[in-house]
C-alpha atoms as a PDB file:
ATOM      1  CA  UNK A   1     -19.182  31.565  21.929  1.00  0.00           C
ATOM      2  CA  UNK A   2     -21.276  27.979  22.029  1.00  0.00           C
ATOM      3  CA  UNK A   3     -22.840  27.276  25.649  1.00  0.00           C
ATOM      4  CA  UNK A   4     -23.701  23.835  26.893  1.00  0.00           C
ATOM      5  CA  UNK A   5     -25.329  23.151  30.182  1.00  0.00           C
ATOM      6  CA  UNK A   6     -25.771  20.105  31.934  1.00  0.00           C
ATOM      7  CA  UNK A   7     -28.750  19.146  33.859  1.00  0.00           C
ATOM      8  CA  UNK A   8     -29.588  17.662  36.919  1.00  0.00           C
ATOM      9  CA  UNK A   9     -30.598  14.279  34.707  1.00  0.00           C
ATOM     10  CA  UNK A  10     -26.887  14.558  33.007  1.00  0.00           C
ATOM     11  CA  UNK A  11     -28.863  15.871  30.001  1.00  0.00           C
ATOM     12  CA  UNK A  12     -26.345  18.037  27.569  1.00  0.00           C
ATOM     13  CA  UNK A  13     -28.328  21.175  26.499  1.00  0.00           C
ATOM     14  CA  UNK A  14     -27.112  23.832  24.102  1.00  0.00           C
ATOM     15  CA  UNK A  15     -28.158  27.099  25.183  1.00  0.00           C
ATOM     16  CA  UNK A  16     -26.016  29.414  22.713  1.00  0.00           C
ATOM     17  CA  UNK A  17     -25.201  28.433  19.489  1.00  0.00           C
ATOM     18  CA  UNK A  18     -22.997  29.487  17.203  1.00  0.00           C
ATOM     19  CA  UNK A  19     -21.473  28.098  13.611  1.00  0.00           C
ATOM     20  CA  UNK A  20     -18.147  26.687  14.074  1.00  0.00           C
ATOM     21  CA  UNK A  21     -16.143  26.158  10.889  1.00  0.00           C
ATOM     22  CA  UNK A  22     -13.917  23.548   9.996  1.00  0.00           C
ATOM     23  CA  UNK A  23     -10.256  24.334  10.192  1.00  0.00           C
ATOM     24  CA  UNK A  24     -10.910  27.145  12.663  1.00  0.00           C
ATOM     25  CA  UNK A  25      -8.902  27.423  15.789  1.00  0.00           C
ATOM     26  CA  UNK A  26      -8.933  29.925  18.634  1.00  0.00           C
ATOM     27  CA  UNK A  27     -11.603  31.851  16.830  1.00  0.00           C
ATOM     28  CA  UNK A  28     -14.355  30.655  19.296  1.00  0.00           C
ATOM     29  CA  UNK A  29     -14.905  29.083  22.777  1.00  0.00           C
ATOM     30  CA  UNK A  30     -16.659  26.342  24.079  1.00  0.00           C
ATOM     31  CA  UNK A  31     -18.125  26.794  27.722  1.00  0.00           C
ATOM     32  CA  UNK A  32     -19.860  24.154  29.672  1.00  0.00           C
ATOM     33  CA  UNK A  33     -22.013  25.073  32.889  1.00  0.00           C
ATOM     34  CA  UNK A  34     -22.455  22.692  35.393  1.00  0.00           C
ATOM     35  CA  UNK A  35     -24.636  22.623  38.639  1.00  0.00           C
ATOM     36  CA  UNK A  36     -22.367  23.021  41.708  1.00  0.00           C
ATOM     37  CA  UNK A  37     -23.371  19.659  42.929  1.00  0.00           C
ATOM     38  CA  UNK A  38     -24.525  16.506  41.704  1.00  0.00           C
ATOM     39  CA  UNK A  39     -25.786  14.243  44.458  1.00  0.00           C
ATOM     40  CA  UNK A  40     -23.207  14.452  46.953  1.00  0.00           C
ATOM     41  CA  UNK A  41     -20.722  15.435  44.033  1.00  0.00           C
ATOM     42  CA  UNK A  42     -18.908  18.740  44.662  1.00  0.00           C
ATOM     43  CA  UNK A  43     -17.582  19.293  40.714  1.00  0.00           C
ATOM     44  CA  UNK A  44     -14.792  21.524  42.171  1.00  0.00           C
ATOM     45  CA  UNK A  45     -13.132  18.552  43.410  1.00  0.00           C
ATOM     46  CA  UNK A  46     -13.108  16.538  40.249  1.00  0.00           C
ATOM     47  CA  UNK A  47     -11.212  16.509  36.971  1.00  0.00           C
ATOM     48  CA  UNK A  48     -13.626  17.467  34.342  1.00  0.00           C
ATOM     49  CA  UNK A  49     -12.803  15.851  30.926  1.00  0.00           C
ATOM     50  CA  UNK A  50     -14.852  16.540  27.582  1.00  0.00           C
ATOM     51  CA  UNK A  51     -14.556  13.437  25.256  1.00  0.00           C
ATOM     52  CA  UNK A  52     -15.790  13.565  21.975  1.00  0.00           C
ATOM     53  CA  UNK A  53     -15.310  11.653  18.604  1.00  0.00           C
ATOM     54  CA  UNK A  54     -15.311  13.436  15.351  1.00  0.00           C
ATOM     55  CA  UNK A  55     -17.012  12.460  12.273  1.00  0.00           C
ATOM     56  CA  UNK A  56     -14.249  10.195  10.982  1.00  0.00           C
ATOM     57  CA  UNK A  57     -14.406   8.033  14.061  1.00  0.00           C
ATOM     58  CA  UNK A  58     -11.119   9.462  15.793  1.00  0.00           C
ATOM     59  CA  UNK A  59     -11.694  10.064  19.133  1.00  0.00           C
ATOM     60  CA  UNK A  60     -10.410  12.529  21.863  1.00  0.00           C
ATOM     61  CA  UNK A  61      -9.962  13.751  25.549  1.00  0.00           C
ATOM     62  CA  UNK A  62      -9.516  17.188  26.764  1.00  0.00           C
ATOM     63  CA  UNK A  63      -9.397  18.329  30.641  1.00  0.00           C
ATOM     64  CA  UNK A  64     -11.788  21.446  30.937  1.00  0.00           C
ATOM     65  CA  UNK A  65     -10.445  24.567  32.882  1.00  0.00           C
ATOM     66  CA  UNK A  66     -12.763  26.047  35.446  1.00  0.00           C
ATOM     67  CA  UNK A  67     -13.595  29.641  35.287  1.00  0.00           C
ATOM     68  CA  UNK A  68     -13.034  31.549  38.251  1.00  0.00           C
ATOM     69  CA  UNK A  69     -16.377  33.220  38.027  1.00  0.00           C
ATOM     70  CA  UNK A  70     -19.561  31.509  38.701  1.00  0.00           C
ATOM     71  CA  UNK A  71     -22.796  31.551  36.596  1.00  0.00           C
ATOM     72  CA  UNK A  72     -25.893  33.313  38.825  1.00  0.00           C
ATOM     73  CA  UNK A  73     -24.052  31.448  41.992  1.00  0.00           C
ATOM     74  CA  UNK A  74     -25.597  28.188  41.183  1.00  0.00           C
ATOM     75  CA  UNK A  75     -23.218  27.092  38.830  1.00  0.00           C
ATOM     76  CA  UNK A  76     -19.441  26.315  37.639  1.00  0.00           C
ATOM     77  CA  UNK A  77     -18.251  27.258  34.201  1.00  0.00           C
ATOM     78  CA  UNK A  78     -15.924  25.837  32.326  1.00  0.00           C
ATOM     79  CA  UNK A  79     -14.102  26.983  28.920  1.00  0.00           C
ATOM     80  CA  UNK A  80     -12.375  25.360  25.888  1.00  0.00           C
ATOM     81  CA  UNK A  81     -10.944  27.363  23.412  1.00  0.00           C
ATOM     82  CA  UNK A  82     -11.606  25.807  20.044  1.00  0.00           C
ATOM     83  CA  UNK A  83      -8.675  23.985  18.495  1.00  0.00           C
ATOM     84  CA  UNK A  84      -7.762  22.302  15.501  1.00  0.00           C
ATOM     85  CA  UNK A  85      -8.336  19.075  16.469  1.00  0.00           C
ATOM     86  CA  UNK A  86     -12.038  19.725  17.301  1.00  0.00           C
ATOM     87  CA  UNK A  87     -12.542  21.328  13.985  1.00  0.00           C
ATOM     88  CA  UNK A  88     -10.144  18.846  11.905  1.00  0.00           C
ATOM     89  CA  UNK A  89     -13.273  17.146   9.956  1.00  0.00           C
ATOM     90  CA  UNK A  90     -16.639  19.099   9.148  1.00  0.00           C
ATOM     91  CA  UNK A  91     -20.033  17.001  10.250  1.00  0.00           C
ATOM     92  CA  UNK A  92     -21.357  16.212  13.557  1.00  0.00           C
ATOM     93  CA  UNK A  93     -19.151  15.437  16.628  1.00  0.00           C
ATOM     94  CA  UNK A  94     -20.753  13.354  19.307  1.00  0.00           C
ATOM     95  CA  UNK A  95     -19.605  14.586  22.768  1.00  0.00           C
ATOM     96  CA  UNK A  96     -20.146  13.836  26.832  1.00  0.00           C
ATOM     97  CA  UNK A  97     -18.611  14.660  29.930  1.00  0.00           C
ATOM     98  CA  UNK A  98     -16.651  12.696  32.527  1.00  0.00           C
ATOM     99  CA  UNK A  99     -15.839  13.579  35.784  1.00  0.00           C
ATOM    100  CA  UNK A 100     -12.951  11.801  37.656  1.00  0.00           C
ATOM    101  CA  UNK A 101     -12.314  12.677  41.157  1.00  0.00           C
ATOM    102  CA  UNK A 102      -8.599  12.627  43.182  1.00  0.00           C
ATOM    103  CA  UNK A 103      -8.653   8.737  43.523  1.00  0.00           C
ATOM    104  CA  UNK A 104      -8.846   8.727  39.574  1.00  0.00           C
ATOM    105  CA  UNK A 105     -12.265   7.031  40.150  1.00  0.00           C
ATOM    106  CA  UNK A 106     -15.095   8.034  37.082  1.00  0.00           C
ATOM    107  CA  UNK A 107     -17.948   9.245  39.158  1.00  0.00           C
ATOM    108  CA  UNK A 108     -20.103  10.846  36.602  1.00  0.00           C
ATOM    109  CA  UNK A 109     -20.621  10.447  32.737  1.00  0.00           C
ATOM    110  CA  UNK A 110     -22.886  12.896  31.110  1.00  0.00           C
ATOM    111  CA  UNK A 111     -25.262  12.114  28.480  1.00  0.00           C
ATOM    112  CA  UNK A 112     -24.306  12.612  25.048  1.00  0.00           C
ATOM    113  CA  UNK A 113     -24.810  15.619  23.014  1.00  0.00           C
ATOM    114  CA  UNK A 114     -23.436  16.880  19.393  1.00  0.00           C
ATOM    115  CA  UNK A 115     -21.904  19.521  17.732  1.00  0.00           C
ATOM    116  CA  UNK A 116     -22.163  20.812  14.135  1.00  0.00           C
ATOM    117  CA  UNK A 117     -18.744  21.443  12.464  1.00  0.00           C
ATOM    118  CA  UNK A 118     -19.431  23.372   9.362  1.00  0.00           C
ATOM    119  CA  UNK A 119     -18.084  22.591   5.810  1.00  0.00           C
ATOM    120  CA  UNK A 120     -15.822  25.474   4.091  1.00  0.00           C
ATOM    121  CA  UNK A 121     -15.432  25.939   0.347  1.00  0.00           C
ATOM    122  CA  UNK A 122     -12.219  25.312  -0.987  1.00  0.00           C
ATOM    123  CA  UNK A 123     -10.967  28.427  -3.115  1.00  0.00           C
ATOM    124  CA  UNK A 124      -8.900  26.181  -5.518  1.00  0.00           C
ATOM    125  CA  UNK A 125     -12.224  24.725  -6.956  1.00  0.00           C
ATOM    126  CA  UNK A 126     -13.248  28.154  -7.792  1.00  0.00           C
ATOM    127  CA  UNK A 127     -10.072  29.614  -9.516  1.00  0.00           C
ATOM    128  CA  UNK A 128     -10.603  30.771 -13.154  1.00  0.00           C
ATOM    129  CA  UNK A 129      -9.053  28.961 -15.750  1.00  0.00           C
ATOM    130  CA  UNK A 130      -6.068  31.521 -16.405  1.00  0.00           C
ATOM    131  CA  UNK A 131      -5.242  30.743 -12.525  1.00  0.00           C
ATOM    132  CA  UNK A 132      -5.257  26.919 -12.907  1.00  0.00           C
ATOM    133  CA  UNK A 133      -2.899  27.112 -16.048  1.00  0.00           C
ATOM    134  CA  UNK A 134      -0.804  28.938 -13.794  1.00  0.00           C
ATOM    135  CA  UNK A 135      -0.935  26.165 -11.133  1.00  0.00           C
ATOM    136  CA  UNK A 136      -0.424  23.696 -13.730  1.00  0.00           C
ATOM    137  CA  UNK A 137       2.678  25.403 -15.367  1.00  0.00           C
ATOM    138  CA  UNK A 138       4.127  25.529 -11.463  1.00  0.00           C
ATOM    139  CA  UNK A 139       3.243  21.785 -11.319  1.00  0.00           C
ATOM    140  CA  UNK A 140       5.063  20.707 -14.875  1.00  0.00           C
ATOM    141  CA  UNK A 141       8.461  23.117 -13.300  1.00  0.00           C
ATOM    142  CA  UNK A 142       8.551  20.968 -10.485  1.00  0.00           C
ATOM    143  CA  UNK A 143       8.071  17.863 -12.186  1.00  0.00           C
ATOM    144  CA  UNK A 144      10.836  18.738 -14.714  1.00  0.00           C
ATOM    145  CA  UNK A 145      13.112  20.128 -12.217  1.00  0.00           C
ATOM    146  CA  UNK A 146      12.804  16.414 -10.490  1.00  0.00           C
ATOM    147  CA  UNK A 147      13.401  15.040 -13.781  1.00  0.00           C
ATOM    148  CA  UNK A 148      16.437  16.678 -15.149  1.00  0.00           C
ATOM    149  CA  UNK A 149      18.268  17.109 -11.818  1.00  0.00           C
ATOM    150  CA  UNK A 150      21.959  15.414 -12.017  1.00  0.00           C
ATOM    151  CA  UNK A 151      22.017  12.825  -9.479  1.00  0.00           C
ATOM    152  CA  UNK A 152      24.918  10.858 -10.753  1.00  0.00           C
ATOM    153  CA  UNK A 153      28.055  10.887 -13.342  1.00  0.00           C
ATOM    154  CA  UNK A 154      28.702   8.196 -15.682  1.00  0.00           C
ATOM    155  CA  UNK A 155      32.093   7.621 -17.449  1.00  0.00           C
ATOM    156  CA  UNK A 156      32.806   5.473 -20.678  1.00  0.00           C
ATOM    157  CA  UNK A 157      36.217   3.769 -20.366  1.00  0.00           C
ATOM    158  CA  UNK A 158      36.029   3.094 -24.035  1.00  0.00           C
ATOM    159  CA  UNK A 159      35.611   6.814 -25.505  1.00  0.00           C
ATOM    160  CA  UNK A 160      36.873   8.256 -22.265  1.00  0.00           C
ATOM    161  CA  UNK A 161      33.363  10.118 -22.522  1.00  0.00           C
ATOM    162  CA  UNK A 162      32.014  11.475 -19.183  1.00  0.00           C
ATOM    163  CA  UNK A 163      28.268  12.691 -18.674  1.00  0.00           C
ATOM    164  CA  UNK A 164      25.811  13.648 -15.859  1.00  0.00           C
ATOM    165  CA  UNK A 165      22.958  11.284 -15.579  1.00  0.00           C
ATOM    166  CA  UNK A 166      19.266  12.009 -13.789  1.00  0.00           C
ATOM    167  CA  UNK A 167      17.223   8.881 -13.042  1.00  0.00           C
ATOM    168  CA  UNK A 168      19.811   6.924 -15.106  1.00  0.00           C
ATOM    169  CA  UNK A 169      19.201   8.700 -18.086  1.00  0.00           C
ATOM    170  CA  UNK A 170      21.876  11.182 -19.463  1.00  0.00           C
ATOM    171  CA  UNK A 171      21.309  14.991 -19.615  1.00  0.00           C
ATOM    172  CA  UNK A 172      23.917  17.804 -20.190  1.00  0.00           C
ATOM    173  CA  UNK A 173      27.206  18.259 -22.447  1.00  0.00           C
ATOM    174  CA  UNK A 174      29.595  14.886 -23.027  1.00  0.00           C
ATOM    175  CA  UNK A 175      32.761  16.089 -21.804  1.00  0.00           C
ATOM    176  CA  UNK A 176      35.472  14.065 -23.310  1.00  0.00           C
ATOM    177  CA  UNK A 177      38.743  13.440 -21.232  1.00  0.00           C
ATOM    178  CA  UNK A 178      41.122  12.392 -24.001  1.00  0.00           C
ATOM    179  CA  UNK A 179      42.595  15.441 -24.852  1.00  0.00           C
ATOM    180  CA  UNK A 180      43.406  16.113 -20.893  1.00  0.00           C
ATOM    181  CA  UNK A 181      44.491  12.714 -19.552  1.00  0.00           C
ATOM    182  CA  UNK A 182      48.008  12.557 -18.550  1.00  0.00           C
ATOM    183  CA  UNK A 183      50.546  10.171 -20.131  1.00  0.00           C
ATOM    184  CA  UNK A 184      50.218   7.919 -16.726  1.00  0.00           C
ATOM    185  CA  UNK A 185      46.398   7.414 -17.387  1.00  0.00           C
ATOM    186  CA  UNK A 186      45.467   9.251 -14.341  1.00  0.00           C
ATOM    187  CA  UNK A 187      44.606  13.048 -13.567  1.00  0.00           C
ATOM    188  CA  UNK A 188      46.268  14.109 -10.239  1.00  0.00           C
ATOM    189  CA  UNK A 189      44.257  16.973  -8.407  1.00  0.00           C
ATOM    190  CA  UNK A 190      46.771  17.868  -5.869  1.00  0.00           C
ATOM    191  CA  UNK A 191      45.583  20.732  -3.815  1.00  0.00           C
ATOM    192  CA  UNK A 192      43.021  21.291  -6.215  1.00  0.00           C
ATOM    193  CA  UNK A 193      39.382  20.980  -5.954  1.00  0.00           C
ATOM    194  CA  UNK A 194      37.886  17.418  -6.288  1.00  0.00           C
ATOM    195  CA  UNK A 195      34.528  17.040  -8.124  1.00  0.00           C
ATOM    196  CA  UNK A 196      31.508  17.305  -5.695  1.00  0.00           C
ATOM    197  CA  UNK A 197      33.883  20.581  -3.931  1.00  0.00           C
ATOM    198  CA  UNK A 198      36.050  18.700  -1.761  1.00  0.00           C
ATOM    199  CA  UNK A 199      39.577  19.532  -1.492  1.00  0.00           C
ATOM    200  CA  UNK A 200      42.586  16.945  -2.466  1.00  0.00           C
ATOM    201  CA  UNK A 201      45.698  15.947  -1.385  1.00  0.00           C
ATOM    202  CA  UNK A 202      48.681  14.541  -2.874  1.00  0.00           C
ATOM    203  CA  UNK A 203      46.983  10.767  -3.325  1.00  0.00           C
ATOM    204  CA  UNK A 204      43.480  12.214  -4.947  1.00  0.00           C
ATOM    205  CA  UNK A 205      43.889  10.940  -8.762  1.00  0.00           C
ATOM    206  CA  UNK A 206      41.451   9.335 -11.164  1.00  0.00           C
ATOM    207  CA  UNK A 207      42.451   6.455 -12.811  1.00  0.00           C
ATOM    208  CA  UNK A 208      41.364   6.037 -16.936  1.00  0.00           C
END
């Protein structure tokens, strides 16, 4: 639990601190405590926004939900479950509150405060050499799969050879069609299955 209180001078003060780690989501909650009124403003009649800028310079705005129970009968409480946007980048977040009335007019902006998102270690950096070699082997397997997969078929009209190709390079065994080409110079499929799995009809032929 992380609690931030707004004082009468609009200062935001952290009253309960907890460590929030990069990548956490739903593991903790942010609470904001505000006086019931500021001058003649009653926050119950307003929409309260949490606005913040991440360490990488990306900004977000999120609506805070008022909790049903008051704090010491003097303050309103608002809560926000820690989400992946808030913890996406490690470092110091700059944040403030903005109150908007029913006419969508900005009636209050608090002073800024900061929230620290702690970095976490990447376990891959601590894998033993044996584990790293397994990852390397998997990477090579994927690379070979991409390299060796067939994505085309070639035909040499002079030699009557058919061969699969991958990335423009021949792969697999060469199939010579000389002995199976009919006297007419075509192969008729009829109701047989065409290359690629489609079913042919009487008009489906391959010319050589």
